[in-house]
């Protein structure tokens, strides 16, 4: 059974930091690209960051570039993906979702490129 479980969300003041974690298990995620998306109330789900299957390449949305980093640990049975979020802003408030997909690593990944999703973790940044 494929499982992606996010953790690490919470309430933080503007300028603060949070580290989100995602544990992916149930298939061979070590060969799968991983990403983070977010969805704010009343808005569409949007791309935040992605990391290639080997951790060698990462992409970020313009809104988080320079503030967020993404990394992964391809352990034996579970792949861990981390999103380090620094200098958080109120506009970063959203539910954050971990996702997995196999697709050609060309440009910014689309929502449809990811076939497996977690349930999300809430991030609230107060001003």
C-alpha atoms as a PDB file:
ATOM      1  CA  UNK A   1       0.000   0.000   0.000  1.00  0.00           C
ATOM      2  CA  UNK A   2       1.453   3.336  -1.099  1.00  0.00           C
ATOM      3  CA  UNK A   3       1.663   5.830   1.727  1.00  0.00           C
ATOM      4  CA  UNK A   4       2.921   9.401   1.860  1.00  0.00           C
ATOM      5  CA  UNK A   5       2.723  10.897   5.324  1.00  0.00           C
ATOM      6  CA  UNK A   6       3.579  14.529   5.986  1.00  0.00           C
ATOM      7  CA  UNK A   7       4.528  16.040   9.323  1.00  0.00           C
ATOM      8  CA  UNK A   8       6.076  19.174  10.742  1.00  0.00           C
ATOM      9  CA  UNK A   9       3.400  21.747  10.060  1.00  0.00           C
ATOM     10  CA  UNK A  10       2.272  24.243  12.653  1.00  0.00           C
ATOM     11  CA  UNK A  11       1.960  27.864  13.616  1.00  0.00           C
ATOM     12  CA  UNK A  12       4.969  30.141  13.274  1.00  0.00           C
ATOM     13  CA  UNK A  13       5.558  33.874  13.294  1.00  0.00           C
ATOM     14  CA  UNK A  14       6.619  35.704  10.172  1.00  0.00           C
ATOM     15  CA  UNK A  15      10.362  35.410   9.691  1.00  0.00           C
ATOM     16  CA  UNK A  16      10.462  32.050  11.409  1.00  0.00           C
ATOM     17  CA  UNK A  17      11.274  28.598  10.103  1.00  0.00           C
ATOM     18  CA  UNK A  18       9.630  25.205   9.823  1.00  0.00           C
ATOM     19  CA  UNK A  19      10.810  21.888   8.483  1.00  0.00           C
ATOM     20  CA  UNK A  20       8.269  19.647   6.823  1.00  0.00           C
ATOM     21  CA  UNK A  21       8.897  15.948   6.472  1.00  0.00           C
ATOM     22  CA  UNK A  22       7.343  13.354   4.222  1.00  0.00           C
ATOM     23  CA  UNK A  23       7.733   9.602   4.632  1.00  0.00           C
ATOM     24  CA  UNK A  24       6.947   7.672   1.451  1.00  0.00           C
ATOM     25  CA  UNK A  25       6.600   3.908   1.557  1.00  0.00           C
ATOM     26  CA  UNK A  26       4.825   1.027  -0.131  1.00  0.00           C
ATOM     27  CA  UNK A  27       6.704   1.030  -3.410  1.00  0.00           C
ATOM     28  CA  UNK A  28      10.134   1.819  -4.775  1.00  0.00           C
ATOM     29  CA  UNK A  29      10.122   5.559  -4.196  1.00  0.00           C
ATOM     30  CA  UNK A  30      13.891   5.738  -4.466  1.00  0.00           C
ATOM     31  CA  UNK A  31      13.540   5.984  -8.262  1.00  0.00           C
ATOM     32  CA  UNK A  32      10.665   8.472  -8.159  1.00  0.00           C
ATOM     33  CA  UNK A  33      10.753  12.262  -8.227  1.00  0.00           C
ATOM     34  CA  UNK A  34       9.274  13.898  -5.133  1.00  0.00           C
ATOM     35  CA  UNK A  35       7.636  17.254  -4.716  1.00  0.00           C
ATOM     36  CA  UNK A  36       5.810  19.625  -2.419  1.00  0.00           C
ATOM     37  CA  UNK A  37       2.693  21.534  -3.325  1.00  0.00           C
ATOM     38  CA  UNK A  38       0.553  23.860  -1.278  1.00  0.00           C
ATOM     39  CA  UNK A  39      -3.026  25.020  -1.276  1.00  0.00           C
ATOM     40  CA  UNK A  40      -4.246  28.118   0.482  1.00  0.00           C
ATOM     41  CA  UNK A  41      -7.934  28.588   1.336  1.00  0.00           C
ATOM     42  CA  UNK A  42      -9.916  29.462  -1.760  1.00  0.00           C
ATOM     43  CA  UNK A  43      -6.944  28.974  -4.053  1.00  0.00           C
ATOM     44  CA  UNK A  44      -5.735  26.267  -6.380  1.00  0.00           C
ATOM     45  CA  UNK A  45      -3.015  23.849  -5.395  1.00  0.00           C
ATOM     46  CA  UNK A  46       0.340  25.192  -6.536  1.00  0.00           C
ATOM     47  CA  UNK A  47       3.839  23.864  -7.022  1.00  0.00           C
ATOM     48  CA  UNK A  48       6.373  24.691  -4.324  1.00  0.00           C
ATOM     49  CA  UNK A  49       9.434  22.510  -4.848  1.00  0.00           C
ATOM     50  CA  UNK A  50      10.599  19.231  -6.320  1.00  0.00           C
ATOM     51  CA  UNK A  51      13.650  17.031  -6.045  1.00  0.00           C
ATOM     52  CA  UNK A  52      14.789  14.466  -8.591  1.00  0.00           C
ATOM     53  CA  UNK A  53      14.881  10.764  -7.798  1.00  0.00           C
ATOM     54  CA  UNK A  54      18.575  10.844  -6.918  1.00  0.00           C
ATOM     55  CA  UNK A  55      18.481  14.153  -5.068  1.00  0.00           C
ATOM     56  CA  UNK A  56      20.788  15.692  -7.602  1.00  0.00           C
ATOM     57  CA  UNK A  57      18.438  18.341  -8.971  1.00  0.00           C
ATOM     58  CA  UNK A  58      15.816  20.528  -7.361  1.00  0.00           C
ATOM     59  CA  UNK A  59      13.337  23.124  -8.553  1.00  0.00           C
ATOM     60  CA  UNK A  60      11.476  25.849  -6.703  1.00  0.00           C
ATOM     61  CA  UNK A  61       8.653  28.190  -7.437  1.00  0.00           C
ATOM     62  CA  UNK A  62       9.667  31.824  -7.739  1.00  0.00           C
ATOM     63  CA  UNK A  63       7.716  32.662  -4.597  1.00  0.00           C
ATOM     64  CA  UNK A  64       9.879  30.440  -2.376  1.00  0.00           C
ATOM     65  CA  UNK A  65      13.203  30.478  -4.205  1.00  0.00           C
ATOM     66  CA  UNK A  66      16.009  31.484  -1.867  1.00  0.00           C
ATOM     67  CA  UNK A  67      13.920  30.795   1.247  1.00  0.00           C
ATOM     68  CA  UNK A  68      13.028  27.099   0.945  1.00  0.00           C
ATOM     69  CA  UNK A  69      15.228  24.087   0.349  1.00  0.00           C
ATOM     70  CA  UNK A  70      14.278  20.520  -0.462  1.00  0.00           C
ATOM     71  CA  UNK A  71      16.187  17.332   0.210  1.00  0.00           C
ATOM     72  CA  UNK A  72      15.594  13.613   0.300  1.00  0.00           C
ATOM     73  CA  UNK A  73      16.956  10.500   1.954  1.00  0.00           C
ATOM     74  CA  UNK A  74      16.479   7.309  -0.051  1.00  0.00           C
ATOM     75  CA  UNK A  75      16.458   4.804   2.781  1.00  0.00           C
ATOM     76  CA  UNK A  76      15.910   1.102   2.179  1.00  0.00           C
ATOM     77  CA  UNK A  77      12.137   0.821   2.547  1.00  0.00           C
ATOM     78  CA  UNK A  78      11.088   4.428   3.032  1.00  0.00           C
ATOM     79  CA  UNK A  79      12.042   7.623   1.244  1.00  0.00           C
ATOM     80  CA  UNK A  80      12.109  10.769   3.332  1.00  0.00           C
ATOM     81  CA  UNK A  81      11.643  14.159   1.749  1.00  0.00           C
ATOM     82  CA  UNK A  82      12.217  17.378   3.647  1.00  0.00           C
ATOM     83  CA  UNK A  83      11.149  20.923   2.957  1.00  0.00           C
ATOM     84  CA  UNK A  84      13.097  23.453   4.991  1.00  0.00           C
ATOM     85  CA  UNK A  85      11.175  26.700   5.056  1.00  0.00           C
ATOM     86  CA  UNK A  86      12.974  29.827   6.229  1.00  0.00           C
ATOM     87  CA  UNK A  87      11.991  33.485   6.358  1.00  0.00           C
ATOM     88  CA  UNK A  88       8.358  32.490   6.329  1.00  0.00           C
ATOM     89  CA  UNK A  89       5.759  35.020   5.277  1.00  0.00           C
ATOM     90  CA  UNK A  90       2.023  35.162   5.988  1.00  0.00           C
ATOM     91  CA  UNK A  91       1.424  34.368   2.310  1.00  0.00           C
ATOM     92  CA  UNK A  92       3.100  31.001   2.867  1.00  0.00           C
ATOM     93  CA  UNK A  93       0.095  29.972   4.937  1.00  0.00           C
ATOM     94  CA  UNK A  94      -1.443  26.896   3.310  1.00  0.00           C
ATOM     95  CA  UNK A  95      -1.870  23.163   3.511  1.00  0.00           C
ATOM     96  CA  UNK A  96       1.317  21.547   2.232  1.00  0.00           C
ATOM     97  CA  UNK A  97       1.204  18.284   0.335  1.00  0.00           C
ATOM     98  CA  UNK A  98       3.934  15.792  -0.443  1.00  0.00           C
ATOM     99  CA  UNK A  99       3.712  14.113  -3.830  1.00  0.00           C
ATOM    100  CA  UNK A 100       5.508  11.461  -5.856  1.00  0.00           C
ATOM    101  CA  UNK A 101       5.700  10.916  -9.586  1.00  0.00           C
ATOM    102  CA  UNK A 102       7.658   9.538 -12.501  1.00  0.00           C
ATOM    103  CA  UNK A 103       8.010  11.971 -15.357  1.00  0.00           C
ATOM    104  CA  UNK A 104      10.701  13.470 -17.584  1.00  0.00           C
ATOM    105  CA  UNK A 105      12.611  16.002 -15.546  1.00  0.00           C
ATOM    106  CA  UNK A 106      12.056  18.940 -17.889  1.00  0.00           C
ATOM    107  CA  UNK A 107      10.953  22.283 -16.512  1.00  0.00           C
ATOM    108  CA  UNK A 108       8.605  22.874 -13.608  1.00  0.00           C
ATOM    109  CA  UNK A 109       6.561  19.780 -12.767  1.00  0.00           C
ATOM    110  CA  UNK A 110       2.815  19.955 -13.157  1.00  0.00           C
ATOM    111  CA  UNK A 111       0.203  18.781 -10.703  1.00  0.00           C
ATOM    112  CA  UNK A 112      -0.713  15.985 -13.125  1.00  0.00           C
ATOM    113  CA  UNK A 113       2.860  14.666 -13.123  1.00  0.00           C
ATOM    114  CA  UNK A 114       2.416  13.349  -9.588  1.00  0.00           C
ATOM    115  CA  UNK A 115       0.367  10.217  -9.079  1.00  0.00           C
ATOM    116  CA  UNK A 116       0.704   9.738  -5.324  1.00  0.00           C
ATOM    117  CA  UNK A 117      -0.209  12.300  -2.684  1.00  0.00           C
ATOM    118  CA  UNK A 118      -0.143  12.673   1.043  1.00  0.00           C
ATOM    119  CA  UNK A 119      -2.981  14.012   3.179  1.00  0.00           C
ATOM    120  CA  UNK A 120      -1.297  17.336   3.829  1.00  0.00           C
ATOM    121  CA  UNK A 121       0.015  19.261   6.793  1.00  0.00           C
ATOM    122  CA  UNK A 122      -1.106  22.737   7.732  1.00  0.00           C
ATOM    123  CA  UNK A 123       1.278  25.666   7.934  1.00  0.00           C
ATOM    124  CA  UNK A 124       0.127  28.953   9.398  1.00  0.00           C
ATOM    125  CA  UNK A 125       2.369  31.998   9.421  1.00  0.00           C
ATOM    126  CA  UNK A 126       1.205  34.855  11.612  1.00  0.00           C
ATOM    127  CA  UNK A 127       2.154  38.450  10.937  1.00  0.00           C
END
